[in-house]
N, C-alpha and C. Protein backbone atom coordinates (compact mmCIF):
# COMPACT_ATOMS: atom_id res chain seq x y z
N UNK A 1 26.58 1.00 -13.18
CA UNK A 1 27.89 0.37 -12.95
C UNK A 1 28.89 0.98 -13.92
N UNK A 2 30.13 1.14 -13.49
CA UNK A 2 31.15 1.71 -14.36
C UNK A 2 31.70 0.70 -15.36
N UNK A 3 32.38 1.24 -16.37
CA UNK A 3 33.05 0.42 -17.39
C UNK A 3 34.55 0.38 -17.10
N UNK A 4 35.16 -0.74 -17.47
CA UNK A 4 36.59 -0.97 -17.32
C UNK A 4 37.15 -1.49 -18.64
N UNK A 5 38.24 -0.90 -19.11
CA UNK A 5 38.88 -1.45 -20.30
C UNK A 5 39.83 -2.56 -19.87
N UNK A 6 39.87 -3.61 -20.68
CA UNK A 6 40.77 -4.74 -20.42
C UNK A 6 42.12 -4.36 -20.99
N UNK A 7 43.17 -4.45 -20.19
CA UNK A 7 44.50 -4.04 -20.61
C UNK A 7 45.04 -4.92 -21.73
N UNK A 8 45.46 -4.33 -22.85
CA UNK A 8 45.99 -5.11 -23.97
C UNK A 8 47.15 -6.01 -23.53
N UNK A 9 47.12 -7.23 -23.99
CA UNK A 9 48.18 -8.18 -23.67
C UNK A 9 48.00 -8.92 -22.37
N UNK A 10 47.00 -8.54 -21.57
CA UNK A 10 46.75 -9.25 -20.32
C UNK A 10 46.30 -10.68 -20.62
N UNK A 11 46.58 -11.59 -19.70
CA UNK A 11 46.32 -13.00 -19.94
C UNK A 11 45.18 -13.59 -19.11
N UNK A 12 44.69 -12.87 -18.11
CA UNK A 12 43.72 -13.44 -17.18
C UNK A 12 42.53 -12.51 -17.02
N UNK A 13 41.40 -12.85 -17.64
CA UNK A 13 40.21 -11.99 -17.57
C UNK A 13 39.61 -11.94 -16.17
N UNK A 14 39.97 -12.88 -15.29
CA UNK A 14 39.42 -12.91 -13.94
C UNK A 14 40.26 -12.13 -12.93
N UNK A 15 41.35 -11.49 -13.37
CA UNK A 15 42.21 -10.72 -12.48
C UNK A 15 41.82 -9.24 -12.55
N UNK A 16 41.31 -8.66 -11.47
CA UNK A 16 40.89 -7.25 -11.50
C UNK A 16 42.02 -6.28 -11.85
N UNK A 17 43.27 -6.67 -11.60
CA UNK A 17 44.40 -5.80 -11.91
C UNK A 17 44.63 -5.64 -13.41
N UNK A 18 43.96 -6.45 -14.23
CA UNK A 18 44.11 -6.38 -15.68
C UNK A 18 43.11 -5.44 -16.34
N UNK A 19 42.44 -4.62 -15.53
CA UNK A 19 41.43 -3.69 -16.03
C UNK A 19 41.73 -2.27 -15.57
N UNK A 20 41.30 -1.30 -16.38
CA UNK A 20 41.45 0.12 -16.05
C UNK A 20 40.07 0.76 -16.04
N UNK A 21 39.73 1.43 -14.96
CA UNK A 21 38.45 2.12 -14.83
C UNK A 21 38.36 3.23 -15.87
N UNK A 22 37.25 3.26 -16.65
CA UNK A 22 37.08 4.31 -17.66
C UNK A 22 35.86 5.19 -17.39
N UNK A 23 34.95 4.78 -16.52
CA UNK A 23 33.81 5.61 -16.16
C UNK A 23 32.47 5.04 -16.61
N UNK A 24 31.49 5.93 -16.75
CA UNK A 24 30.12 5.49 -17.00
C UNK A 24 29.81 5.20 -18.48
N UNK A 25 30.69 5.59 -19.38
CA UNK A 25 30.50 5.35 -20.81
C UNK A 25 31.49 4.30 -21.28
N UNK A 26 31.03 3.29 -22.04
CA UNK A 26 31.97 2.27 -22.50
C UNK A 26 33.01 2.85 -23.44
N UNK A 27 34.23 2.34 -23.42
CA UNK A 27 35.27 2.83 -24.33
C UNK A 27 34.97 2.37 -25.76
N UNK A 28 35.60 3.03 -26.71
CA UNK A 28 35.46 2.64 -28.12
C UNK A 28 36.15 1.30 -28.34
N UNK A 29 35.42 0.35 -28.90
CA UNK A 29 35.95 -0.99 -29.17
C UNK A 29 35.60 -1.33 -30.62
N UNK A 30 36.56 -1.18 -31.55
CA UNK A 30 36.25 -1.41 -32.96
C UNK A 30 36.02 -2.88 -33.29
N UNK A 31 35.40 -3.12 -34.44
CA UNK A 31 35.20 -4.49 -34.94
C UNK A 31 36.45 -4.97 -35.65
N UNK A 32 36.65 -6.23 -35.87
CA UNK A 32 35.77 -7.35 -35.54
C UNK A 32 35.85 -7.72 -34.07
N UNK A 33 34.85 -8.44 -33.62
CA UNK A 33 34.71 -8.81 -32.21
C UNK A 33 35.44 -10.12 -31.92
N UNK A 34 36.73 -10.04 -31.66
CA UNK A 34 37.53 -11.25 -31.44
C UNK A 34 38.08 -11.41 -30.02
N UNK A 35 38.38 -10.31 -29.35
CA UNK A 35 39.03 -10.37 -28.04
C UNK A 35 38.36 -9.40 -27.07
N UNK A 36 38.55 -9.64 -25.78
CA UNK A 36 37.94 -8.81 -24.76
C UNK A 36 38.48 -7.38 -24.83
N UNK A 37 37.57 -6.41 -24.81
CA UNK A 37 37.94 -5.00 -24.84
C UNK A 37 37.57 -4.32 -23.52
N UNK A 38 36.32 -4.53 -23.06
CA UNK A 38 35.86 -3.83 -21.86
C UNK A 38 34.70 -4.58 -21.22
N UNK A 39 34.53 -4.32 -19.93
CA UNK A 39 33.41 -4.89 -19.20
C UNK A 39 32.74 -3.81 -18.35
N UNK A 40 31.49 -4.04 -18.05
CA UNK A 40 30.76 -3.21 -17.09
C UNK A 40 30.57 -4.06 -15.85
N UNK A 41 31.03 -3.53 -14.70
CA UNK A 41 30.97 -4.31 -13.46
C UNK A 41 30.89 -3.38 -12.26
N UNK A 42 30.46 -3.92 -11.14
CA UNK A 42 30.46 -3.17 -9.89
C UNK A 42 31.89 -2.82 -9.52
N UNK A 43 32.05 -1.69 -8.83
CA UNK A 43 33.38 -1.17 -8.50
C UNK A 43 33.81 -1.54 -7.09
N UNK A 44 35.12 -1.80 -6.96
CA UNK A 44 35.73 -2.06 -5.65
C UNK A 44 37.05 -1.29 -5.61
N UNK A 45 36.97 -0.01 -5.24
CA UNK A 45 38.17 0.81 -5.13
C UNK A 45 38.90 1.03 -6.46
N UNK A 46 38.15 1.18 -7.54
CA UNK A 46 38.75 1.42 -8.85
C UNK A 46 39.00 0.16 -9.65
N UNK A 47 38.63 -0.98 -9.11
CA UNK A 47 38.79 -2.26 -9.81
C UNK A 47 37.43 -2.95 -9.91
N UNK A 48 37.24 -3.74 -10.97
CA UNK A 48 35.94 -4.43 -11.10
C UNK A 48 35.81 -5.59 -10.13
N UNK A 49 34.59 -5.82 -9.68
CA UNK A 49 34.30 -6.98 -8.85
C UNK A 49 34.02 -8.14 -9.80
N UNK A 50 34.89 -9.14 -9.80
CA UNK A 50 34.83 -10.23 -10.77
C UNK A 50 34.47 -11.58 -10.18
N UNK A 51 34.08 -11.64 -8.91
CA UNK A 51 33.75 -12.93 -8.31
C UNK A 51 32.29 -13.33 -8.54
N UNK A 52 31.54 -12.49 -9.25
CA UNK A 52 30.15 -12.82 -9.55
C UNK A 52 30.12 -13.78 -10.74
N UNK A 53 29.61 -14.97 -10.52
CA UNK A 53 29.67 -16.02 -11.53
C UNK A 53 28.95 -15.63 -12.81
N UNK A 54 27.86 -14.89 -12.71
CA UNK A 54 27.13 -14.48 -13.92
C UNK A 54 27.98 -13.61 -14.82
N UNK A 55 28.84 -12.76 -14.22
CA UNK A 55 29.68 -11.89 -15.03
C UNK A 55 30.79 -12.69 -15.72
N UNK A 56 31.40 -13.62 -15.01
CA UNK A 56 32.44 -14.46 -15.61
C UNK A 56 31.84 -15.28 -16.75
N UNK A 57 30.64 -15.80 -16.57
CA UNK A 57 29.97 -16.56 -17.63
C UNK A 57 29.66 -15.65 -18.82
N UNK A 58 29.21 -14.44 -18.55
CA UNK A 58 28.91 -13.50 -19.64
C UNK A 58 30.18 -13.15 -20.43
N UNK A 59 31.30 -12.94 -19.73
CA UNK A 59 32.58 -12.67 -20.40
C UNK A 59 32.98 -13.87 -21.27
N UNK A 60 32.91 -15.07 -20.70
CA UNK A 60 33.30 -16.28 -21.44
C UNK A 60 32.41 -16.49 -22.66
N UNK A 61 31.10 -16.30 -22.51
CA UNK A 61 30.19 -16.47 -23.64
C UNK A 61 30.47 -15.46 -24.74
N UNK A 62 30.73 -14.21 -24.37
CA UNK A 62 31.02 -13.18 -25.37
C UNK A 62 32.29 -13.52 -26.15
N UNK A 63 33.33 -13.93 -25.45
CA UNK A 63 34.59 -14.27 -26.11
C UNK A 63 34.42 -15.51 -26.99
N UNK A 64 33.81 -16.55 -26.45
CA UNK A 64 33.65 -17.80 -27.21
C UNK A 64 32.76 -17.64 -28.43
N UNK A 65 31.71 -16.82 -28.32
CA UNK A 65 30.77 -16.61 -29.42
C UNK A 65 31.13 -15.42 -30.30
N UNK A 66 32.15 -14.66 -29.87
CA UNK A 66 32.57 -13.44 -30.55
C UNK A 66 31.39 -12.50 -30.79
N UNK A 67 30.60 -12.36 -29.70
CA UNK A 67 29.41 -11.53 -29.73
C UNK A 67 29.36 -10.68 -28.47
N UNK A 68 29.24 -9.38 -28.63
CA UNK A 68 29.16 -8.49 -27.47
C UNK A 68 27.84 -8.70 -26.73
N UNK A 69 27.83 -8.30 -25.46
CA UNK A 69 26.63 -8.42 -24.64
C UNK A 69 26.42 -7.11 -23.88
N UNK A 70 25.45 -7.10 -23.01
CA UNK A 70 25.13 -5.90 -22.25
C UNK A 70 26.33 -5.38 -21.47
N UNK A 71 27.11 -6.28 -20.87
CA UNK A 71 28.22 -5.88 -20.00
C UNK A 71 29.60 -6.19 -20.55
N UNK A 72 29.68 -6.62 -21.81
CA UNK A 72 30.96 -7.01 -22.39
C UNK A 72 31.10 -6.45 -23.80
N UNK A 73 32.24 -5.77 -24.06
CA UNK A 73 32.57 -5.26 -25.39
C UNK A 73 33.83 -5.98 -25.87
N UNK A 74 33.91 -6.19 -27.18
CA UNK A 74 35.04 -6.91 -27.78
C UNK A 74 35.79 -6.03 -28.77
N UNK A 75 37.03 -6.44 -29.13
CA UNK A 75 37.86 -5.70 -30.08
C UNK A 75 38.60 -6.68 -30.99
N UNK A 76 39.26 -6.19 -32.04
CA UNK A 76 39.90 -7.09 -33.01
C UNK A 76 41.22 -7.71 -32.57
N UNK A 77 41.95 -7.08 -31.66
CA UNK A 77 43.26 -7.59 -31.27
C UNK A 77 43.35 -7.83 -29.77
N UNK A 78 44.22 -8.74 -29.34
CA UNK A 78 44.32 -9.01 -27.89
C UNK A 78 44.87 -7.85 -27.09
C-alpha cells in the first residue's frame, strides 16, 4: 500500500483531500510524535481510502497515544 503525507494545517483526518500521495516509502516525520504526519492506505485515484474503520481507529489511537503504528507516522507540529 502507498504512503500519503497529511497536509500541514488540515483539520479533518477523515477527508482524503487532506493527503498527498508520496509513494511506497514513508515520508520523513521527525520527533516528537504529537500530530499526524503520514498514513499508509489503499489507493483510490491518488487519494487514500479512509472508510475502513480499522484505519480510522489506528489513526485515532496513534494521535491519542502519541505513538506511531504500522500504518501511521507522527510529527511535532500540526
